[in-house]
N, C-alpha and C. Protein backbone atom coordinates (compact mmCIF):
# COMPACT_ATOMS: atom_id res chain seq x y z
N LEU A 1 20.86 41.93 88.17
CA LEU A 1 21.71 40.76 87.88
C LEU A 1 21.59 39.68 88.95
N ILE A 2 21.78 38.53 88.50
CA ILE A 2 21.75 37.36 89.47
C ILE A 2 23.08 36.87 89.84
N PHE A 3 23.24 36.10 90.77
CA PHE A 3 24.52 35.79 91.31
C PHE A 3 25.44 35.10 90.18
N THR A 4 24.81 34.34 89.30
CA THR A 4 25.52 33.73 88.23
C THR A 4 26.14 34.68 87.19
N ASP A 5 25.44 35.79 87.05
CA ASP A 5 25.97 36.87 86.28
C ASP A 5 27.20 37.48 86.77
N LEU A 6 27.19 37.72 88.15
CA LEU A 6 28.34 38.26 88.83
C LEU A 6 29.50 37.23 88.80
N GLU A 7 29.18 36.05 88.90
CA GLU A 7 30.20 34.95 88.82
C GLU A 7 30.88 34.98 87.41
N LYS A 8 30.00 35.05 86.39
CA LYS A 8 30.56 35.13 85.07
C LYS A 8 31.37 36.29 84.80
N ILE A 9 30.93 37.46 85.15
CA ILE A 9 31.73 38.66 85.08
C ILE A 9 33.09 38.54 85.74
N TYR A 10 33.08 38.04 87.04
CA TYR A 10 34.28 37.85 87.76
C TYR A 10 35.20 36.87 87.05
N HIS A 11 34.77 35.81 86.61
CA HIS A 11 35.58 34.80 85.91
C HIS A 11 36.11 35.51 84.64
N LEU A 12 35.39 36.08 83.80
CA LEU A 12 35.98 36.73 82.66
C LEU A 12 37.00 37.83 82.90
N LEU A 13 36.80 38.59 84.00
CA LEU A 13 37.80 39.53 84.39
C LEU A 13 39.02 38.88 84.74
N ARG A 14 39.02 37.91 85.54
CA ARG A 14 40.19 37.16 86.09
C ARG A 14 40.87 36.36 84.99
N SER A 15 40.15 36.00 83.98
CA SER A 15 40.71 35.28 82.79
C SER A 15 41.36 36.24 81.83
N ASN A 16 41.11 37.51 81.91
CA ASN A 16 41.69 38.51 81.07
C ASN A 16 42.52 39.59 81.77
N ILE A 17 43.19 39.14 82.76
CA ILE A 17 44.13 40.01 83.48
C ILE A 17 45.07 40.62 82.54
N SER A 18 45.42 41.95 82.62
CA SER A 18 46.26 42.64 81.66
C SER A 18 47.66 42.68 82.12
N PRO A 19 48.69 42.57 81.27
CA PRO A 19 50.13 42.71 81.71
C PRO A 19 50.54 44.05 82.18
N PRO A 20 51.55 44.30 82.80
CA PRO A 20 52.57 43.25 83.25
C PRO A 20 52.04 42.37 84.39
N PHE A 21 52.46 41.21 84.38
CA PHE A 21 52.17 40.27 85.48
C PHE A 21 52.92 40.07 86.60
N GLU A 22 54.14 40.70 86.47
CA GLU A 22 55.12 40.66 87.49
C GLU A 22 54.64 41.21 88.91
N ASP A 23 53.72 42.14 88.77
CA ASP A 23 53.26 42.87 90.03
C ASP A 23 52.26 42.00 90.76
N LYS A 24 51.86 40.95 90.20
CA LYS A 24 50.87 39.96 90.94
C LYS A 24 49.61 40.60 91.32
N THR A 25 49.15 41.56 90.59
CA THR A 25 47.92 42.19 90.87
C THR A 25 46.86 41.72 89.83
N GLU A 26 45.64 41.77 90.22
CA GLU A 26 44.52 41.51 89.29
C GLU A 26 43.90 42.76 88.83
N ARG A 27 44.53 43.16 87.62
CA ARG A 27 44.04 44.41 87.05
C ARG A 27 43.74 44.11 85.50
N ILE A 28 42.96 45.04 85.03
CA ILE A 28 42.55 44.84 83.51
C ILE A 28 42.55 46.18 82.94
N ASN A 29 43.09 46.21 81.65
CA ASN A 29 43.10 47.43 80.89
C ASN A 29 41.81 47.66 80.07
N TYR A 30 41.73 48.77 79.50
CA TYR A 30 40.50 49.11 78.66
C TYR A 30 40.23 48.21 77.52
N SER A 31 41.37 47.79 76.86
CA SER A 31 41.22 46.88 75.74
C SER A 31 40.54 45.54 76.21
N SER A 32 41.07 44.98 77.28
CA SER A 32 40.48 43.74 77.75
C SER A 32 39.04 43.90 78.30
N PHE A 33 38.80 45.04 78.93
CA PHE A 33 37.52 45.48 79.39
C PHE A 33 36.51 45.44 78.33
N ASN A 34 36.96 45.97 77.09
CA ASN A 34 36.03 46.01 75.96
C ASN A 34 35.94 44.64 75.25
N PHE A 35 36.89 43.84 75.45
CA PHE A 35 36.80 42.46 74.86
C PHE A 35 35.80 41.67 75.69
N ILE A 36 35.68 41.82 76.94
CA ILE A 36 34.79 41.07 77.82
C ILE A 36 33.45 41.46 77.59
N ALA A 37 33.11 42.71 77.36
CA ALA A 37 31.72 43.25 77.27
C ALA A 37 30.83 42.50 76.35
N PRO A 38 31.25 42.11 75.19
CA PRO A 38 30.27 41.44 74.22
C PRO A 38 29.98 39.96 74.69
N MET A 39 30.75 39.44 75.69
CA MET A 39 30.56 38.08 75.94
C MET A 39 29.47 37.95 77.12
N LEU A 40 29.03 39.01 77.54
CA LEU A 40 28.01 39.15 78.69
C LEU A 40 26.66 39.49 78.20
N PRO A 41 25.65 39.10 79.04
CA PRO A 41 24.22 39.35 78.49
C PRO A 41 23.93 40.84 78.46
N PRO A 42 22.93 41.32 77.78
CA PRO A 42 22.71 42.67 77.58
C PRO A 42 22.44 43.42 78.95
N LYS A 43 21.94 42.76 79.97
CA LYS A 43 21.66 43.43 81.23
C LYS A 43 23.00 43.76 81.94
N CYS A 44 24.14 43.19 81.54
CA CYS A 44 25.36 43.55 82.13
C CYS A 44 26.15 44.73 81.39
N GLN A 45 25.58 45.00 80.15
CA GLN A 45 26.33 46.05 79.38
C GLN A 45 26.45 47.37 80.04
N PRO A 46 25.43 47.83 80.84
CA PRO A 46 25.51 49.23 81.40
C PRO A 46 26.80 49.36 82.36
N PHE A 47 27.31 48.24 82.81
CA PHE A 47 28.61 48.21 83.70
C PHE A 47 29.85 48.23 82.87
N PHE A 48 29.74 48.11 81.45
CA PHE A 48 30.89 47.96 80.69
C PHE A 48 30.91 49.20 79.63
N THR A 49 30.84 50.33 80.09
CA THR A 49 30.85 51.60 79.32
C THR A 49 32.18 52.29 79.47
N PRO A 50 32.56 53.12 78.65
CA PRO A 50 33.79 53.91 78.86
C PRO A 50 33.77 54.70 80.15
N SER A 51 32.53 55.37 80.40
CA SER A 51 32.47 56.11 81.63
C SER A 51 32.56 55.28 83.02
N ALA A 52 32.04 54.02 82.85
CA ALA A 52 32.26 53.09 84.02
C ALA A 52 33.66 52.78 84.20
N PHE A 53 34.48 52.60 83.21
CA PHE A 53 35.83 52.27 83.34
C PHE A 53 36.60 53.47 83.86
N LEU A 54 36.31 54.61 83.53
CA LEU A 54 36.95 55.84 83.85
C LEU A 54 36.68 56.27 85.32
N LYS A 55 35.75 55.71 86.01
CA LYS A 55 35.33 55.95 87.31
C LYS A 55 36.31 55.31 88.34
N PHE A 56 37.20 54.53 87.84
CA PHE A 56 38.13 53.75 88.65
C PHE A 56 39.53 54.28 88.57
N ASP A 57 40.24 54.31 89.67
CA ASP A 57 41.69 54.75 89.60
C ASP A 57 42.44 53.80 88.71
N ARG A 58 43.31 54.31 87.90
CA ARG A 58 44.07 53.48 87.01
C ARG A 58 45.62 53.50 87.46
N ASP A 59 46.32 52.51 87.18
CA ASP A 59 47.70 52.42 87.59
C ASP A 59 48.46 53.06 86.42
N ASP A 60 49.82 52.98 86.47
CA ASP A 60 50.66 53.50 85.39
C ASP A 60 50.48 52.83 84.09
N TYR A 61 49.80 51.63 84.04
CA TYR A 61 49.59 50.99 82.76
C TYR A 61 48.16 51.18 82.26
N GLY A 62 47.38 51.99 82.99
CA GLY A 62 46.01 52.20 82.54
C GLY A 62 45.05 51.16 82.98
N ARG A 63 45.43 50.37 83.94
CA ARG A 63 44.64 49.22 84.34
C ARG A 63 43.76 49.58 85.60
N ILE A 64 42.58 48.96 85.75
CA ILE A 64 41.80 49.15 86.91
C ILE A 64 41.89 47.84 87.82
N ASP A 65 41.53 47.98 89.09
CA ASP A 65 41.52 46.76 89.90
C ASP A 65 40.24 46.02 89.76
N ILE A 66 40.39 44.73 89.48
CA ILE A 66 39.26 43.81 89.19
C ILE A 66 38.43 43.74 90.48
N ASN A 67 38.94 43.52 91.63
CA ASN A 67 38.01 43.46 92.79
C ASN A 67 37.29 44.72 93.11
N SER A 68 37.92 45.99 92.87
CA SER A 68 37.22 47.09 93.11
C SER A 68 35.94 47.14 92.07
N PHE A 69 36.24 46.77 90.86
CA PHE A 69 35.21 46.89 89.89
C PHE A 69 34.03 45.90 90.16
N ILE A 70 34.24 44.61 90.47
CA ILE A 70 33.28 43.71 90.82
C ILE A 70 32.46 44.03 92.10
N HIS A 71 33.16 44.67 93.03
CA HIS A 71 32.52 45.14 94.24
C HIS A 71 31.51 46.22 93.86
N SER A 72 31.93 47.18 93.01
CA SER A 72 31.07 48.26 92.56
C SER A 72 29.81 47.76 91.91
N ILE A 73 29.94 46.71 90.96
CA ILE A 73 28.84 46.18 90.33
C ILE A 73 27.89 45.56 91.43
N ALA A 74 28.45 44.83 92.34
CA ALA A 74 27.65 44.12 93.36
C ALA A 74 26.84 45.12 94.24
N ARG A 75 27.51 46.23 94.59
CA ARG A 75 26.83 47.33 95.35
C ARG A 75 25.69 47.95 94.60
N LYS A 76 25.96 48.32 93.31
CA LYS A 76 24.82 48.83 92.46
C LYS A 76 23.83 47.86 92.30
N ASN A 77 24.12 46.65 92.10
CA ASN A 77 23.11 45.56 91.85
C ASN A 77 22.15 45.46 93.10
N ASN A 78 22.79 45.60 94.31
CA ASN A 78 22.00 45.44 95.48
C ASN A 78 21.04 46.68 95.66
N LEU A 79 21.51 47.86 95.14
CA LEU A 79 20.65 49.03 95.23
C LEU A 79 19.38 48.83 94.45
N PHE A 80 19.48 48.08 93.31
CA PHE A 80 18.38 48.01 92.39
C PHE A 80 17.60 46.84 92.79
């Protein structure tokens, strides 16, 4: 992935934050996660699988932390 791919992923994640919004956290549920995936280039698809989502801790609403997810993608990208 190139930097612009990571920026696009981060922008889409932040644009699709899942409710409830009262807790002021940047989290996304699986439905929004699946909504974002087709908007990304094919080289990003391996990061948007059910198993990728399940690797992250989920809150009581089934949401994962956006920052943890994007940092994970960046680390994996740097390894490759």
